[in-house]
Amino acid sequence: MLENFLKALSISGAEKKLKRVLLVTGAKHYGVHLGPVKSPMEENDPWVEGEGRPPNFYYRQQRILKEMSKGKGWDWVVTYPNDVIGVAKGNFMNLVTAVGLYAAITKELNAPFTFPGSRTFYTMTDSFTYSRFHARFCAWAISEPGCSNQNFNVVNGDAQSWQTMWPRVAKRFGLTVPVDQFEAEDENVVPLSENPPLNDYVRTSGLKGRVEKGEVRMRIDLTKWAQRDDVKAAWERLAKREGLEKDAFEKATWFFLNFVLGRNYDLVISMNKAWKLGFRDWEDTWDALDGCLSELEKEKVLPKTGRN
């Protein structure tokens, strides 16, 4: 589709007015969906491809940009956001909506606010991207001369972990995190790639025999949780009583939230390249998450908690 779009611009003559193409991809560029990755992830890291690797269409898109811009009057920029925090109804990978619905329904059920993901990842580090922060970055990168034909990580710039944010979500909704929330057995475990991206650094980093295979561990499998009769009934009561958007629950991306919360490896992504070029912005991940929950309350996706 990208190739056809650029060809159409050339055929129509519109390409003459083109100055820069900005392509948004994501941290799957580094193979974060395959298992443990290098830490931190940096833009000059080798691509995760070759024998035994699944195809990655992000690479194909970037090669198209490089090839089709040669000898032309336009250049390109590529961004790599990760675990995006934002408000978008029905979005296929909307982290905040699913977290908010899980919290609201848990409260309606008068149940403990158990972290549904991996005990390991609960205390690990993740790198998030606030959607408005990403927009600000794109506005800067589209006109900054130093960004010509460059790729950039775009994450908030802070180090965040669910061990800090989960209790804050609980407090926001008037819930309690169980002291012994990790004593029960995992409900589901999904293995990831047999050849995680970190394997590519075994020889240079001295990690032979030390790279664990990736997996997604779910204390509570949210795809199954969302199908429970008591959960569905709780949402129906809540939506009717609070005047909420009825199909919000059906649109929630429980499978994606399983993956985001269930991994067994850190995701540390460097912003040094952008900062060295003069980008002077960052975002507080908790403030972004908290603000998005308030927006979802105003949009009648979540019940009011008195915080908006």
C-alpha atoms as a PDB file:
ATOM      1  CA  MET A   1       0.000   0.000   0.000  1.00  0.00           C
ATOM      2  CA  LEU A   2       2.832   2.416   0.805  1.00  0.00           C
ATOM      3  CA  GLU A   3       4.529   1.622  -2.490  1.00  0.00           C
ATOM      4  CA  ASN A   4       1.296   2.120  -4.439  1.00  0.00           C
ATOM      5  CA  PHE A   5       0.676   5.425  -2.655  1.00  0.00           C
ATOM      6  CA  LEU A   6       4.117   6.757  -3.540  1.00  0.00           C
ATOM      7  CA  LYS A   7       3.762   5.560  -7.139  1.00  0.00           C
ATOM      8  CA  ALA A   8       0.418   7.358  -7.378  1.00  0.00           C
ATOM      9  CA  LEU A   9       2.027  10.582  -6.189  1.00  0.00           C
ATOM     10  CA  SER A  10       4.657  10.211  -8.899  1.00  0.00           C
ATOM     11  CA  ILE A  11       2.168   9.426 -11.670  1.00  0.00           C
ATOM     12  CA  SER A  12      -0.151  12.278 -10.716  1.00  0.00           C
ATOM     13  CA  GLY A  13       2.660  14.795 -10.462  1.00  0.00           C
ATOM     14  CA  ALA A  14       1.892  15.509  -6.812  1.00  0.00           C
ATOM     15  CA  GLU A  15       5.321  14.158  -5.891  1.00  0.00           C
ATOM     16  CA  LYS A  16       6.831  17.451  -7.053  1.00  0.00           C
ATOM     17  CA  LYS A  17       5.320  19.129  -4.000  1.00  0.00           C
ATOM     18  CA  LEU A  18       6.415  16.409  -1.603  1.00  0.00           C
ATOM     19  CA  LYS A  19       9.130  17.372   0.892  1.00  0.00           C
ATOM     20  CA  ARG A  20       9.187  14.644   3.522  1.00  0.00           C
ATOM     21  CA  VAL A  21       7.344  11.388   4.245  1.00  0.00           C
ATOM     22  CA  LEU A  22       6.882  10.393   7.890  1.00  0.00           C
ATOM     23  CA  LEU A  23       6.174   6.711   8.495  1.00  0.00           C
ATOM     24  CA  VAL A  24       4.960   5.456  11.877  1.00  0.00           C
ATOM     25  CA  THR A  25       5.828   1.837  12.647  1.00  0.00           C
ATOM     26  CA  GLY A  26       6.630   0.593  16.168  1.00  0.00           C
ATOM     27  CA  ALA A  27       8.917  -1.342  18.485  1.00  0.00           C
ATOM     28  CA  LYS A  28       8.109  -4.576  16.657  1.00  0.00           C
ATOM     29  CA  HIS A  29      10.979  -3.247  14.557  1.00  0.00           C
ATOM     30  CA  TYR A  30      13.180  -4.645  17.346  1.00  0.00           C
ATOM     31  CA  GLY A  31      11.247  -7.908  17.610  1.00  0.00           C
ATOM     32  CA  VAL A  32       9.588  -7.108  20.944  1.00  0.00           C
ATOM     33  CA  HIS A  33       6.790  -9.506  19.977  1.00  0.00           C
ATOM     34  CA  LEU A  34       9.238 -12.409  19.684  1.00  0.00           C
ATOM     35  CA  GLY A  35      10.817 -12.483  23.127  1.00  0.00           C
ATOM     36  CA  PRO A  36      13.712 -10.958  25.102  1.00  0.00           C
ATOM     37  CA  VAL A  37      15.405  -8.053  23.321  1.00  0.00           C
ATOM     38  CA  LYS A  38      18.610  -6.056  23.684  1.00  0.00           C
ATOM     39  CA  SER A  39      18.499  -3.413  26.395  1.00  0.00           C
ATOM     40  CA  PRO A  40      18.343  -0.591  25.608  1.00  0.00           C
ATOM     41  CA  MET A  41      16.975  -0.784  22.081  1.00  0.00           C
ATOM     42  CA  GLU A  42      18.750   1.722  19.825  1.00  0.00           C
ATOM     43  CA  GLU A  43      18.046   2.853  16.280  1.00  0.00           C
ATOM     44  CA  ASN A  44      21.320   1.487  14.890  1.00  0.00           C
ATOM     45  CA  ASP A  45      20.670  -2.038  16.177  1.00  0.00           C
ATOM     46  CA  PRO A  46      20.774  -4.691  13.413  1.00  0.00           C
ATOM     47  CA  TRP A  47      17.387  -5.664  12.042  1.00  0.00           C
ATOM     48  CA  VAL A  48      15.905  -8.885  13.383  1.00  0.00           C
ATOM     49  CA  GLU A  49      15.724 -10.864  10.155  1.00  0.00           C
ATOM     50  CA  GLY A  50      17.304 -13.729   8.287  1.00  0.00           C
ATOM     51  CA  GLU A  51      17.099 -17.493   8.587  1.00  0.00           C
ATOM     52  CA  GLY A  52      14.638 -18.647  11.217  1.00  0.00           C
ATOM     53  CA  ARG A  53      13.048 -15.218  11.573  1.00  0.00           C
ATOM     54  CA  PRO A  54       9.452 -14.379  10.647  1.00  0.00           C
ATOM     55  CA  PRO A  55       8.972 -11.629   8.038  1.00  0.00           C
ATOM     56  CA  ASN A  56       8.568  -8.100   9.381  1.00  0.00           C
ATOM     57  CA  PHE A  57       6.636  -5.743   7.114  1.00  0.00           C
ATOM     58  CA  TYR A  58       8.156  -2.742   8.904  1.00  0.00           C
ATOM     59  CA  TYR A  59      11.444  -3.568   7.180  1.00  0.00           C
ATOM     60  CA  ARG A  60       9.752  -3.800   3.812  1.00  0.00           C
ATOM     61  CA  GLN A  61       8.163  -0.375   4.322  1.00  0.00           C
ATOM     62  CA  GLN A  62      11.463   1.231   5.280  1.00  0.00           C
ATOM     63  CA  ARG A  63      13.221  -0.288   2.282  1.00  0.00           C
ATOM     64  CA  ILE A  64      10.473   1.102   0.044  1.00  0.00           C
ATOM     65  CA  LEU A  65      11.044   4.605   1.426  1.00  0.00           C
ATOM     66  CA  LYS A  66      14.807   4.404   0.955  1.00  0.00           C
ATOM     67  CA  GLU A  67      14.555   3.068  -2.589  1.00  0.00           C
ATOM     68  CA  MET A  68      11.774   5.310  -3.878  1.00  0.00           C
ATOM     69  CA  SER A  69      13.254   8.510  -2.436  1.00  0.00           C
ATOM     70  CA  LYS A  70      16.575   8.113  -4.261  1.00  0.00           C
ATOM     71  CA  GLY A  71      17.177  10.986  -6.662  1.00  0.00           C
ATOM     72  CA  LYS A  72      13.884  12.604  -5.713  1.00  0.00           C
ATOM     73  CA  GLY A  73      13.139  15.919  -4.067  1.00  0.00           C
ATOM     74  CA  TRP A  74      11.814  14.377  -0.881  1.00  0.00           C
ATOM     75  CA  ASP A  75      13.200  12.509   2.090  1.00  0.00           C
ATOM     76  CA  TRP A  76      11.731  10.444   4.933  1.00  0.00           C
ATOM     77  CA  VAL A  77      11.526   9.916   8.703  1.00  0.00           C
ATOM     78  CA  VAL A  78      10.453   6.717  10.501  1.00  0.00           C
ATOM     79  CA  THR A  79       9.262   6.570  14.123  1.00  0.00           C
ATOM     80  CA  TYR A  80       9.181   3.625  16.552  1.00  0.00           C
ATOM     81  CA  PRO A  81       6.633   4.184  19.356  1.00  0.00           C
ATOM     82  CA  ASN A  82       5.846   1.427  21.874  1.00  0.00           C
ATOM     83  CA  ASP A  83       2.873   0.432  24.058  1.00  0.00           C
ATOM     84  CA  VAL A  84       0.944   3.537  23.081  1.00  0.00           C
ATOM     85  CA  ILE A  85      -1.153   5.297  25.708  1.00  0.00           C
ATOM     86  CA  GLY A  86      -4.003   7.268  24.198  1.00  0.00           C
ATOM     87  CA  VAL A  87      -7.742   7.590  23.719  1.00  0.00           C
ATOM     88  CA  ALA A  88      -9.164   6.000  20.584  1.00  0.00           C
ATOM     89  CA  LYS A  89     -12.475   4.172  20.697  1.00  0.00           C
ATOM     90  CA  GLY A  90     -12.332   0.766  19.050  1.00  0.00           C
ATOM     91  CA  ASN A  91      -8.596   0.982  18.429  1.00  0.00           C
ATOM     92  CA  PHE A  92      -7.159  -2.493  17.838  1.00  0.00           C
ATOM     93  CA  MET A  93      -4.407  -2.038  20.410  1.00  0.00           C
ATOM     94  CA  ASN A  94      -5.844   0.333  22.996  1.00  0.00           C
ATOM     95  CA  LEU A  95      -4.063  -0.294  26.266  1.00  0.00           C
ATOM     96  CA  VAL A  96      -5.810   2.322  28.418  1.00  0.00           C
ATOM     97  CA  THR A  97      -9.397   1.386  27.576  1.00  0.00           C
ATOM     98  CA  ALA A  98      -8.824  -2.261  28.464  1.00  0.00           C
ATOM     99  CA  VAL A  99      -7.077  -1.416  31.756  1.00  0.00           C
ATOM    100  CA  GLY A 100      -9.871   0.998  32.686  1.00  0.00           C
ATOM    101  CA  LEU A 101     -12.632  -1.486  31.875  1.00  0.00           C
ATOM    102  CA  TYR A 102     -10.894  -4.226  33.842  1.00  0.00           C
ATOM    103  CA  ALA A 103     -10.689  -1.894  36.852  1.00  0.00           C
ATOM    104  CA  ALA A 104     -14.275  -0.640  36.569  1.00  0.00           C
ATOM    105  CA  ILE A 105     -15.759  -4.127  36.253  1.00  0.00           C
ATOM    106  CA  THR A 106     -13.568  -5.439  39.073  1.00  0.00           C
ATOM    107  CA  LYS A 107     -15.012  -2.704  41.290  1.00  0.00           C
ATOM    108  CA  GLU A 108     -18.556  -3.560  40.194  1.00  0.00           C
ATOM    109  CA  LEU A 109     -17.882  -7.185  41.145  1.00  0.00           C
ATOM    110  CA  ASN A 110     -16.451  -6.072  44.501  1.00  0.00           C
ATOM    111  CA  ALA A 111     -13.382  -8.168  43.702  1.00  0.00           C
ATOM    112  CA  PRO A 112      -9.684  -7.625  44.465  1.00  0.00           C
ATOM    113  CA  PHE A 113      -7.700  -5.767  41.821  1.00  0.00           C
ATOM    114  CA  THR A 114      -5.341  -8.587  40.897  1.00  0.00           C
ATOM    115  CA  PHE A 115      -2.660  -7.889  38.310  1.00  0.00           C
ATOM    116  CA  PRO A 116      -3.625 -10.293  35.505  1.00  0.00           C
ATOM    117  CA  GLY A 117      -0.195 -10.523  33.913  1.00  0.00           C
ATOM    118  CA  SER A 118       3.243 -11.888  34.676  1.00  0.00           C
ATOM    119  CA  ARG A 119       4.738 -11.780  38.161  1.00  0.00           C
ATOM    120  CA  THR A 120       8.120 -11.286  36.475  1.00  0.00           C
ATOM    121  CA  PHE A 121       7.051  -8.380  34.268  1.00  0.00           C
ATOM    122  CA  TYR A 122       5.234  -6.659  37.143  1.00  0.00           C
ATOM    123  CA  THR A 123       8.602  -5.520  38.514  1.00  0.00           C
ATOM    124  CA  MET A 124      10.342  -5.048  35.168  1.00  0.00           C
ATOM    125  CA  THR A 125      10.706  -1.865  33.116  1.00  0.00           C
ATOM    126  CA  ASP A 126       8.586  -0.888  30.126  1.00  0.00           C
ATOM    127  CA  SER A 127       8.820   2.037  27.714  1.00  0.00           C
ATOM    128  CA  PHE A 128       5.515   3.695  26.829  1.00  0.00           C
ATOM    129  CA  THR A 129       4.513   6.302  24.258  1.00  0.00           C
ATOM    130  CA  TYR A 130       1.795   8.856  24.987  1.00  0.00           C
ATOM    131  CA  SER A 131      -0.072   9.495  21.732  1.00  0.00           C
ATOM    132  CA  ARG A 132       0.056  13.287  22.125  1.00  0.00           C
ATOM    133  CA  PHE A 133       3.766  13.153  22.868  1.00  0.00           C
ATOM    134  CA  HIS A 134       4.221  11.146  19.681  1.00  0.00           C
ATOM    135  CA  ALA A 135       2.257  13.788  17.784  1.00  0.00           C
ATOM    136  CA  ARG A 136       4.535  16.512  19.171  1.00  0.00           C
ATOM    137  CA  PHE A 137       7.572  14.526  18.107  1.00  0.00           C
ATOM    138  CA  CYS A 138       6.218  14.065  14.587  1.00  0.00           C
ATOM    139  CA  ALA A 139       5.523  17.806  14.299  1.00  0.00           C
ATOM    140  CA  TRP A 140       9.160  18.446  15.230  1.00  0.00           C
ATOM    141  CA  ALA A 141      10.662  15.714  13.058  1.00  0.00           C
ATOM    142  CA  ILE A 142       8.763  16.618   9.905  1.00  0.00           C
ATOM    143  CA  SER A 143      10.567  19.958   9.630  1.00  0.00           C
ATOM    144  CA  GLU A 144      13.856  19.411  11.491  1.00  0.00           C
ATOM    145  CA  PRO A 145      16.692  19.263   8.902  1.00  0.00           C
ATOM    146  CA  GLY A 146      18.725  16.844  11.016  1.00  0.00           C
ATOM    147  CA  CYS A 147      15.943  14.252  10.814  1.00  0.00           C
ATOM    148  CA  SER A 148      16.351  13.740   7.080  1.00  0.00           C
ATOM    149  CA  ASN A 149      16.361  10.030   6.186  1.00  0.00           C
ATOM    150  CA  GLN A 150      16.531   8.991   9.833  1.00  0.00           C
ATOM    151  CA  ASN A 151      14.682   6.569  12.097  1.00  0.00           C
ATOM    152  CA  PHE A 152      13.776   7.441  15.688  1.00  0.00           C
ATOM    153  CA  ASN A 153      12.573   5.769  18.839  1.00  0.00           C
ATOM    154  CA  VAL A 154       9.677   7.762  20.289  1.00  0.00           C
ATOM    155  CA  VAL A 155       8.957   6.853  23.904  1.00  0.00           C
ATOM    156  CA  ASN A 156       8.095   9.049  26.869  1.00  0.00           C
ATOM    157  CA  GLY A 157      11.623   9.045  28.212  1.00  0.00           C
ATOM    158  CA  ASP A 158      10.916   7.938  31.764  1.00  0.00           C
ATOM    159  CA  ALA A 159      11.423   4.482  33.280  1.00  0.00           C
ATOM    160  CA  GLN A 160       8.114   2.994  34.385  1.00  0.00           C
ATOM    161  CA  SER A 161       6.934  -0.283  35.872  1.00  0.00           C
ATOM    162  CA  TRP A 162       3.549  -1.798  36.692  1.00  0.00           C
ATOM    163  CA  GLN A 163       4.633  -2.318  40.301  1.00  0.00           C
ATOM    164  CA  THR A 164       4.266   1.477  40.561  1.00  0.00           C
ATOM    165  CA  MET A 165       1.352   2.114  38.211  1.00  0.00           C
ATOM    166  CA  TRP A 166      -0.944  -0.782  39.171  1.00  0.00           C
ATOM    167  CA  PRO A 167      -1.428   0.407  42.783  1.00  0.00           C
ATOM    168  CA  ARG A 168      -2.084   3.917  41.430  1.00  0.00           C
ATOM    169  CA  VAL A 169      -4.784   2.593  39.105  1.00  0.00           C
ATOM    170  CA  ALA A 170      -6.244   0.721  42.081  1.00  0.00           C
ATOM    171  CA  LYS A 171      -6.323   3.877  44.201  1.00  0.00           C
ATOM    172  CA  ARG A 172      -7.956   5.827  41.380  1.00  0.00           C
ATOM    173  CA  PHE A 173     -10.831   3.346  41.195  1.00  0.00           C
ATOM    174  CA  GLY A 174     -11.086   2.743  44.934  1.00  0.00           C
ATOM    175  CA  LEU A 175      -9.739  -0.789  44.668  1.00  0.00           C
ATOM    176  CA  THR A 176      -7.277  -2.897  46.633  1.00  0.00           C
ATOM    177  CA  VAL A 177      -4.305  -4.822  45.270  1.00  0.00           C
ATOM    178  CA  PRO A 178      -4.075  -8.182  47.106  1.00  0.00           C
ATOM    179  CA  VAL A 179      -0.908  -8.594  49.139  1.00  0.00           C
ATOM    180  CA  ASP A 180      -0.631 -12.189  47.913  1.00  0.00           C
ATOM    181  CA  GLN A 181      -1.762 -11.591  44.331  1.00  0.00           C
ATOM    182  CA  PHE A 182       0.969 -13.794  42.847  1.00  0.00           C
ATOM    183  CA  GLU A 183       0.467 -16.930  44.944  1.00  0.00           C
ATOM    184  CA  ALA A 184      -2.068 -18.557  42.619  1.00  0.00           C
ATOM    185  CA  GLU A 185      -1.026 -20.574  39.565  1.00  0.00           C
ATOM    186  CA  ASP A 186      -0.968 -18.906  36.150  1.00  0.00           C
ATOM    187  CA  GLU A 187      -4.138 -19.494  34.162  1.00  0.00           C
ATOM    188  CA  ASN A 188      -2.370 -19.584  30.810  1.00  0.00           C
ATOM    189  CA  VAL A 189       1.183 -19.560  29.432  1.00  0.00           C
ATOM    190  CA  VAL A 190       1.938 -18.842  25.763  1.00  0.00           C
ATOM    191  CA  PRO A 191       5.499 -19.460  24.496  1.00  0.00           C
ATOM    192  CA  LEU A 192       6.998 -16.960  22.068  1.00  0.00           C
ATOM    193  CA  SER A 193       9.750 -17.457  19.483  1.00  0.00           C
ATOM    194  CA  GLU A 194      12.321 -20.214  19.927  1.00  0.00           C
ATOM    195  CA  ASN A 195      14.882 -17.686  18.719  1.00  0.00           C
ATOM    196  CA  PRO A 196      14.400 -14.412  20.656  1.00  0.00           C
ATOM    197  CA  PRO A 197      16.068 -11.236  19.306  1.00  0.00           C
ATOM    198  CA  LEU A 198      18.580 -11.147  22.166  1.00  0.00           C
ATOM    199  CA  ASN A 199      20.151 -14.298  20.714  1.00  0.00           C
ATOM    200  CA  ASP A 200      21.710 -12.086  18.033  1.00  0.00           C
ATOM    201  CA  TYR A 201      23.960 -10.542  20.713  1.00  0.00           C
ATOM    202  CA  VAL A 202      25.105 -13.737  22.434  1.00  0.00           C
ATOM    203  CA  ARG A 203      28.631 -13.704  20.993  1.00  0.00           C
ATOM    204  CA  THR A 204      29.354 -10.007  21.506  1.00  0.00           C
ATOM    205  CA  SER A 205      27.699  -9.701  24.919  1.00  0.00           C
ATOM    206  CA  GLY A 206      28.917 -12.925  26.517  1.00  0.00           C
ATOM    207  CA  LEU A 207      25.395 -14.260  26.990  1.00  0.00           C
ATOM    208  CA  LYS A 208      25.845 -17.782  25.679  1.00  0.00           C
ATOM    209  CA  GLY A 209      23.410 -20.077  27.441  1.00  0.00           C
ATOM    210  CA  ARG A 210      21.866 -17.158  29.355  1.00  0.00           C
ATOM    211  CA  VAL A 211      19.103 -15.963  27.041  1.00  0.00           C
ATOM    212  CA  GLU A 212      15.711 -17.179  28.202  1.00  0.00           C
ATOM    213  CA  LYS A 213      12.927 -17.833  25.740  1.00  0.00           C
ATOM    214  CA  GLY A 214      10.081 -15.382  25.784  1.00  0.00           C
ATOM    215  CA  GLU A 215       6.643 -16.239  27.056  1.00  0.00           C
ATOM    216  CA  VAL A 216       3.396 -14.547  27.990  1.00  0.00           C
ATOM    217  CA  ARG A 217       2.146 -15.580  31.433  1.00  0.00           C
ATOM    218  CA  MET A 218      -1.372 -14.684  32.516  1.00  0.00           C
ATOM    219  CA  ARG A 219      -2.456 -14.947  36.123  1.00  0.00           C
ATOM    220  CA  ILE A 220      -5.879 -14.149  34.725  1.00  0.00           C
ATOM    221  CA  ASP A 221      -6.401 -14.785  31.025  1.00  0.00           C
ATOM    222  CA  LEU A 222      -8.340 -11.656  30.111  1.00  0.00           C
ATOM    223  CA  THR A 223      -9.795 -13.156  26.934  1.00  0.00           C
ATOM    224  CA  LYS A 224     -11.439 -15.824  29.112  1.00  0.00           C
ATOM    225  CA  TRP A 225     -12.261 -13.369  31.908  1.00  0.00           C
ATOM    226  CA  ALA A 226     -14.161 -11.175  29.445  1.00  0.00           C
ATOM    227  CA  GLN A 227     -16.359 -14.151  28.498  1.00  0.00           C
ATOM    228  CA  ARG A 228     -17.441 -14.961  32.039  1.00  0.00           C
ATOM    229  CA  ASP A 229     -21.166 -14.563  32.685  1.00  0.00           C
ATOM    230  CA  ASP A 230     -20.630 -12.592  35.896  1.00  0.00           C
ATOM    231  CA  VAL A 231     -18.258 -10.200  34.129  1.00  0.00           C
ATOM    232  CA  LYS A 232     -20.688  -9.601  31.258  1.00  0.00           C
ATOM    233  CA  ALA A 233     -23.553  -9.075  33.702  1.00  0.00           C
ATOM    234  CA  ALA A 234     -21.462  -6.624  35.735  1.00  0.00           C
ATOM    235  CA  TRP A 235     -20.722  -4.601  32.616  1.00  0.00           C
ATOM    236  CA  GLU A 236     -24.384  -4.555  31.619  1.00  0.00           C
ATOM    237  CA  ARG A 237     -25.341  -3.210  35.052  1.00  0.00           C
ATOM    238  CA  LEU A 238     -22.565  -0.667  35.034  1.00  0.00           C
ATOM    239  CA  ALA A 239     -23.249   0.562  31.510  1.00  0.00           C
ATOM    240  CA  LYS A 240     -26.974   0.918  32.160  1.00  0.00           C
ATOM    241  CA  ARG A 241     -26.586   2.646  35.528  1.00  0.00           C
ATOM    242  CA  GLU A 242     -23.857   5.061  34.406  1.00  0.00           C
ATOM    243  CA  GLY A 243     -25.079   5.648  30.850  1.00  0.00           C
ATOM    244  CA  LEU A 244     -21.908   4.244  29.285  1.00  0.00           C
ATOM    245  CA  GLU A 245     -21.223   3.325  25.681  1.00  0.00           C
ATOM    246  CA  LYS A 246     -22.563  -0.244  25.541  1.00  0.00           C
ATOM    247  CA  ASP A 247     -20.189  -1.647  22.929  1.00  0.00           C
ATOM    248  CA  ALA A 248     -17.043  -0.386  24.686  1.00  0.00           C
ATOM    249  CA  PHE A 249     -16.603  -3.729  26.417  1.00  0.00           C
ATOM    250  CA  GLU A 250     -16.872  -5.710  23.184  1.00  0.00           C
ATOM    251  CA  LYS A 251     -14.321  -3.441  21.493  1.00  0.00           C
ATOM    252  CA  ALA A 252     -11.766  -3.816  24.282  1.00  0.00           C
ATOM    253  CA  THR A 253      -8.561  -5.543  23.168  1.00  0.00           C
ATOM    254  CA  TRP A 254      -8.115  -8.187  25.849  1.00  0.00           C
ATOM    255  CA  PHE A 255      -5.698 -10.271  23.798  1.00  0.00           C
ATOM    256  CA  PHE A 256      -3.396  -7.276  23.390  1.00  0.00           C
ATOM    257  CA  LEU A 257      -3.529  -6.459  27.105  1.00  0.00           C
ATOM    258  CA  ASN A 258      -2.647 -10.089  27.878  1.00  0.00           C
ATOM    259  CA  PHE A 259       0.512  -9.631  25.820  1.00  0.00           C
ATOM    260  CA  VAL A 260       1.434  -6.214  27.231  1.00  0.00           C
ATOM    261  CA  LEU A 261       1.099  -7.340  30.862  1.00  0.00           C
ATOM    262  CA  GLY A 262       2.241 -10.935  30.513  1.00  0.00           C
ATOM    263  CA  ARG A 263       5.739 -10.712  29.025  1.00  0.00           C
ATOM    264  CA  ASN A 264       8.771 -11.962  30.913  1.00  0.00           C
ATOM    265  CA  TYR A 265      11.349  -9.435  29.677  1.00  0.00           C
ATOM    266  CA  ASP A 266      12.181  -5.727  29.983  1.00  0.00           C
ATOM    267  CA  LEU A 267      11.486  -3.212  27.236  1.00  0.00           C
ATOM    268  CA  VAL A 268      13.974  -0.363  27.580  1.00  0.00           C
ATOM    269  CA  ILE A 269      14.080   1.957  24.572  1.00  0.00           C
ATOM    270  CA  SER A 270      16.623   4.759  24.189  1.00  0.00           C
ATOM    271  CA  MET A 271      15.657   8.336  23.278  1.00  0.00           C
ATOM    272  CA  ASN A 272      19.274   9.524  23.054  1.00  0.00           C
ATOM    273  CA  LYS A 273      19.311   9.924  19.275  1.00  0.00           C
ATOM    274  CA  ALA A 274      16.415  12.393  19.251  1.00  0.00           C
ATOM    275  CA  TRP A 275      17.667  14.246  22.305  1.00  0.00           C
ATOM    276  CA  LYS A 276      21.129  14.676  20.768  1.00  0.00           C
ATOM    277  CA  LEU A 277      19.508  16.250  17.711  1.00  0.00           C
ATOM    278  CA  GLY A 278      17.794  18.844  19.882  1.00  0.00           C
ATOM    279  CA  PHE A 279      14.396  17.360  20.688  1.00  0.00           C
ATOM    280  CA  ARG A 280      13.644  18.774  24.142  1.00  0.00           C
ATOM    281  CA  ASP A 281      10.490  17.025  25.258  1.00  0.00           C
ATOM    282  CA  TRP A 282       9.423  14.104  27.429  1.00  0.00           C
ATOM    283  CA  GLU A 283       6.276  12.788  29.111  1.00  0.00           C
ATOM    284  CA  ASP A 284       5.367  11.403  32.522  1.00  0.00           C
ATOM    285  CA  THR A 285       3.844   7.995  31.774  1.00  0.00           C
ATOM    286  CA  TRP A 286       1.607   7.878  34.832  1.00  0.00           C
ATOM    287  CA  ASP A 287       0.267  11.385  34.152  1.00  0.00           C
ATOM    288  CA  ALA A 288      -0.493  10.291  30.585  1.00  0.00           C
ATOM    289  CA  LEU A 289      -2.312   7.145  31.713  1.00  0.00           C
ATOM    290  CA  ASP A 290      -4.227   8.997  34.412  1.00  0.00           C
ATOM    291  CA  GLY A 291      -5.235  11.743  31.986  1.00  0.00           C
ATOM    292  CA  CYS A 292      -6.438   9.238  29.392  1.00  0.00           C
ATOM    293  CA  LEU A 293      -8.598   7.484  31.986  1.00  0.00           C
ATOM    294  CA  SER A 294     -10.209  10.849  32.728  1.00  0.00           C
ATOM    295  CA  GLU A 295     -10.827  11.397  29.011  1.00  0.00           C
ATOM    296  CA  LEU A 296     -12.489   7.990  28.765  1.00  0.00           C
ATOM    297  CA  GLU A 297     -14.766   8.954  31.642  1.00  0.00           C
ATOM    298  CA  LYS A 298     -15.809  12.100  29.781  1.00  0.00           C
ATOM    299  CA  GLU A 299     -16.411  10.025  26.640  1.00  0.00           C
ATOM    300  CA  LYS A 300     -18.743   7.744  28.628  1.00  0.00           C
ATOM    301  CA  VAL A 301     -16.525   4.727  28.076  1.00  0.00           C
ATOM    302  CA  LEU A 302     -15.687   4.443  31.790  1.00  0.00           C
ATOM    303  CA  PRO A 303     -17.728   5.385  34.868  1.00  0.00           C
ATOM    304  CA  LYS A 304     -16.756   8.541  36.722  1.00  0.00           C
ATOM    305  CA  THR A 305     -14.388   8.102  39.641  1.00  0.00           C
ATOM    306  CA  GLY A 306     -14.454  11.701  40.835  1.00  0.00           C
ATOM    307  CA  ARG A 307     -10.997  12.335  39.355  1.00  0.00           C
ATOM    308  CA  ASN A 308     -11.958  14.006  36.098  1.00  0.00           C
END
